[in-house]
Amino acid sequence: MEKILWTNEFSVNNKLLDNQHRQIINMINMLIEKQAILLPFSEEMHELLTSMTDYFRTHFQDEENFMKKIKFPALEEHQLLHISYIDKMVDFNFAKLSAKDNLANEMMEYLIYWLKNHILMEDQKYKAFLIAQKNNTKTNS
């Protein structure tokens, strides 16, 4: 699997959230790198996934707080996407106990797809909302 490279497309014009997105990309890239040398569900891989899930929770909270602050109208829908991600990661943890074939590849594909889809599509919605709000403020001034 190819590593993910940060580009300006990922930016949501918020320093904290952009830095967190960069860190999430770094974590996924580390998983991609480690996947080639570690057993899919070794202790080290488990620790990486747990650390990543914990980081995601912090990020989700920060992102949701930001969306509340800007009064983003699709906050509840966005929160459901965050819950869905956490649920899926829990599913992967349970599935590893049953030694499901191809689980590591399925999980990595999900993480990469989710990250790209979430940042490049879903997170861009609050960026666009904020830009529109700023433009409306300028127009009404």
Protein backbone atom coordinates (compact mmCIF):
# COMPACT_ATOMS: atom_id res chain seq x y z
CA MET A 1 0.00 0.00 0.00
CA GLU A 2 1.19 3.47 -0.80
CA LYS A 3 1.69 6.05 1.90
CA ILE A 4 -0.55 9.10 2.00
CA LEU A 5 1.07 12.43 1.26
CA TRP A 6 -0.25 15.65 2.80
CA THR A 7 -1.33 18.20 0.23
CA ASN A 8 -3.16 21.51 0.59
CA GLU A 9 -6.32 19.67 -0.50
CA PHE A 10 -6.44 18.24 3.04
CA SER A 11 -6.35 21.67 4.69
CA VAL A 12 -9.49 22.87 6.48
CA ASN A 13 -7.94 26.30 7.19
CA ASN A 14 -7.68 25.60 10.91
CA LYS A 15 -4.15 25.24 12.28
CA LEU A 16 -5.04 22.84 15.12
CA LEU A 17 -7.20 20.57 12.95
CA ASP A 18 -4.76 20.64 10.04
CA ASN A 19 -1.92 19.64 12.40
CA GLN A 20 -4.07 16.83 13.79
CA HIS A 21 -4.92 15.66 10.27
CA ARG A 22 -1.19 15.62 9.46
CA GLN A 23 -0.56 13.55 12.58
CA ILE A 24 -3.33 11.12 11.63
CA ILE A 25 -1.79 10.75 8.16
CA ASN A 26 1.59 10.10 9.81
CA MET A 27 0.02 7.43 12.02
CA ILE A 28 -1.63 5.69 9.08
CA ASN A 29 1.65 5.87 7.16
CA MET A 30 3.39 4.28 10.15
CA LEU A 31 0.82 1.48 10.12
CA ILE A 32 1.38 0.98 6.38
CA GLU A 33 5.11 0.79 7.02
CA LYS A 34 4.83 -1.51 10.03
CA GLN A 35 2.28 -3.76 8.35
CA ALA A 36 5.00 -5.06 6.04
CA ILE A 37 7.24 -6.12 8.92
CA LEU A 38 4.85 -6.97 11.77
CA LEU A 39 2.33 -9.71 12.14
CA PRO A 40 -1.07 -8.15 11.45
CA PHE A 41 -2.15 -8.25 15.06
CA SER A 42 1.07 -8.35 16.99
CA GLU A 43 1.30 -6.50 20.29
CA GLU A 44 3.11 -3.59 18.61
CA MET A 45 0.45 -3.31 15.90
CA HIS A 46 -2.25 -3.43 18.57
CA GLU A 47 -0.51 -0.62 20.48
CA LEU A 48 -0.28 1.49 17.32
CA LEU A 49 -3.98 1.00 16.61
CA THR A 50 -4.97 1.77 20.18
CA SER A 51 -2.84 4.91 20.21
CA MET A 52 -4.32 5.96 16.89
CA THR A 53 -7.90 5.39 18.05
CA ASP A 54 -7.21 7.42 21.19
CA TYR A 55 -5.77 10.21 19.06
CA PHE A 56 -8.80 10.11 16.77
CA ARG A 57 -11.09 10.56 19.77
CA THR A 58 -9.19 13.67 20.83
CA HIS A 59 -9.26 14.96 17.27
CA PHE A 60 -12.96 14.27 16.90
CA GLN A 61 -13.69 16.18 20.10
CA ASP A 62 -11.60 19.15 18.96
CA GLU A 63 -13.22 19.09 15.54
CA GLU A 64 -16.74 18.88 16.99
CA ASN A 65 -15.98 21.75 19.39
CA PHE A 66 -14.81 23.83 16.43
CA MET A 67 -17.97 22.99 14.50
CA LYS A 68 -20.10 24.00 17.50
CA LYS A 69 -18.19 27.28 17.73
CA ILE A 70 -18.88 28.14 14.08
CA LYS A 71 -22.47 26.84 14.36
CA PHE A 72 -21.96 24.28 11.59
CA PRO A 73 -25.46 23.07 10.65
CA ALA A 74 -24.42 19.49 9.84
CA LEU A 75 -22.68 18.88 13.18
CA GLU A 76 -24.91 15.96 14.18
CA GLU A 77 -24.37 14.20 10.85
CA HIS A 78 -20.63 14.71 11.20
CA GLN A 79 -20.68 13.33 14.74
CA LEU A 80 -22.37 10.18 13.42
CA LEU A 81 -19.46 9.72 11.00
CA HIS A 82 -17.05 9.93 13.92
CA ILE A 83 -19.08 7.37 15.89
CA SER A 84 -19.15 5.10 12.84
CA TYR A 85 -15.36 5.22 12.61
CA ILE A 86 -14.91 4.30 16.28
CA ASP A 87 -17.47 1.49 15.92
CA LYS A 88 -15.62 0.11 12.89
CA MET A 89 -12.32 0.11 14.77
CA VAL A 90 -13.98 -1.79 17.63
CA ASP A 91 -15.29 -4.27 15.05
CA PHE A 92 -11.75 -4.75 13.73
CA ASN A 93 -10.51 -5.42 17.26
CA PHE A 94 -13.21 -8.06 17.81
CA ALA A 95 -12.61 -9.59 14.40
CA LYS A 96 -8.93 -10.04 15.15
CA LEU A 97 -9.90 -12.33 18.01
CA SER A 98 -11.50 -14.69 15.51
CA ALA A 99 -8.39 -14.57 13.28
CA LYS A 100 -10.40 -13.47 10.27
CA ASP A 101 -8.46 -13.94 7.03
CA ASN A 102 -7.26 -10.76 5.30
CA LEU A 103 -8.35 -8.60 8.23
CA ALA A 104 -5.19 -6.48 8.26
CA ASN A 105 -5.57 -5.56 4.59
CA GLU A 106 -9.27 -4.87 5.04
CA MET A 107 -8.53 -2.64 8.01
CA MET A 108 -5.77 -0.70 6.22
CA GLU A 109 -7.96 -0.19 3.16
CA TYR A 110 -10.74 1.07 5.42
CA LEU A 111 -8.42 3.46 7.28
CA ILE A 112 -7.01 4.94 4.09
CA TYR A 113 -10.42 5.23 2.43
CA TRP A 114 -12.00 6.68 5.56
CA LEU A 115 -9.24 9.22 6.06
CA LYS A 116 -9.27 10.46 2.50
CA ASN A 117 -13.05 10.48 2.25
CA HIS A 118 -13.51 12.10 5.64
CA ILE A 119 -10.96 14.90 5.28
CA LEU A 120 -11.31 15.53 1.55
CA MET A 121 -15.10 15.41 1.49
CA GLU A 122 -16.74 15.63 4.90
CA ASP A 123 -14.32 17.99 6.66
CA GLN A 124 -14.25 20.24 3.61
CA LYS A 125 -17.95 20.92 4.23
CA TYR A 126 -17.26 22.87 7.42
CA LYS A 127 -14.38 24.63 5.68
CA ALA A 128 -16.77 25.72 2.89
CA PHE A 129 -19.39 26.72 5.46
CA LEU A 130 -16.89 28.92 7.28
CA ILE A 131 -15.71 30.53 4.04
CA ALA A 132 -19.34 31.23 3.08
CA GLN A 133 -19.98 32.74 6.51
CA LYS A 134 -16.97 35.03 6.14
CA ASN A 135 -18.08 36.02 2.63
CA ASN A 136 -21.60 36.78 3.88
CA THR A 137 -20.17 38.94 6.65
CA LYS A 138 -18.10 40.90 4.12
CA THR A 139 -21.09 41.30 1.79
CA ASN A 140 -23.36 42.50 4.60
CA SER A 141 -20.80 44.98 5.93
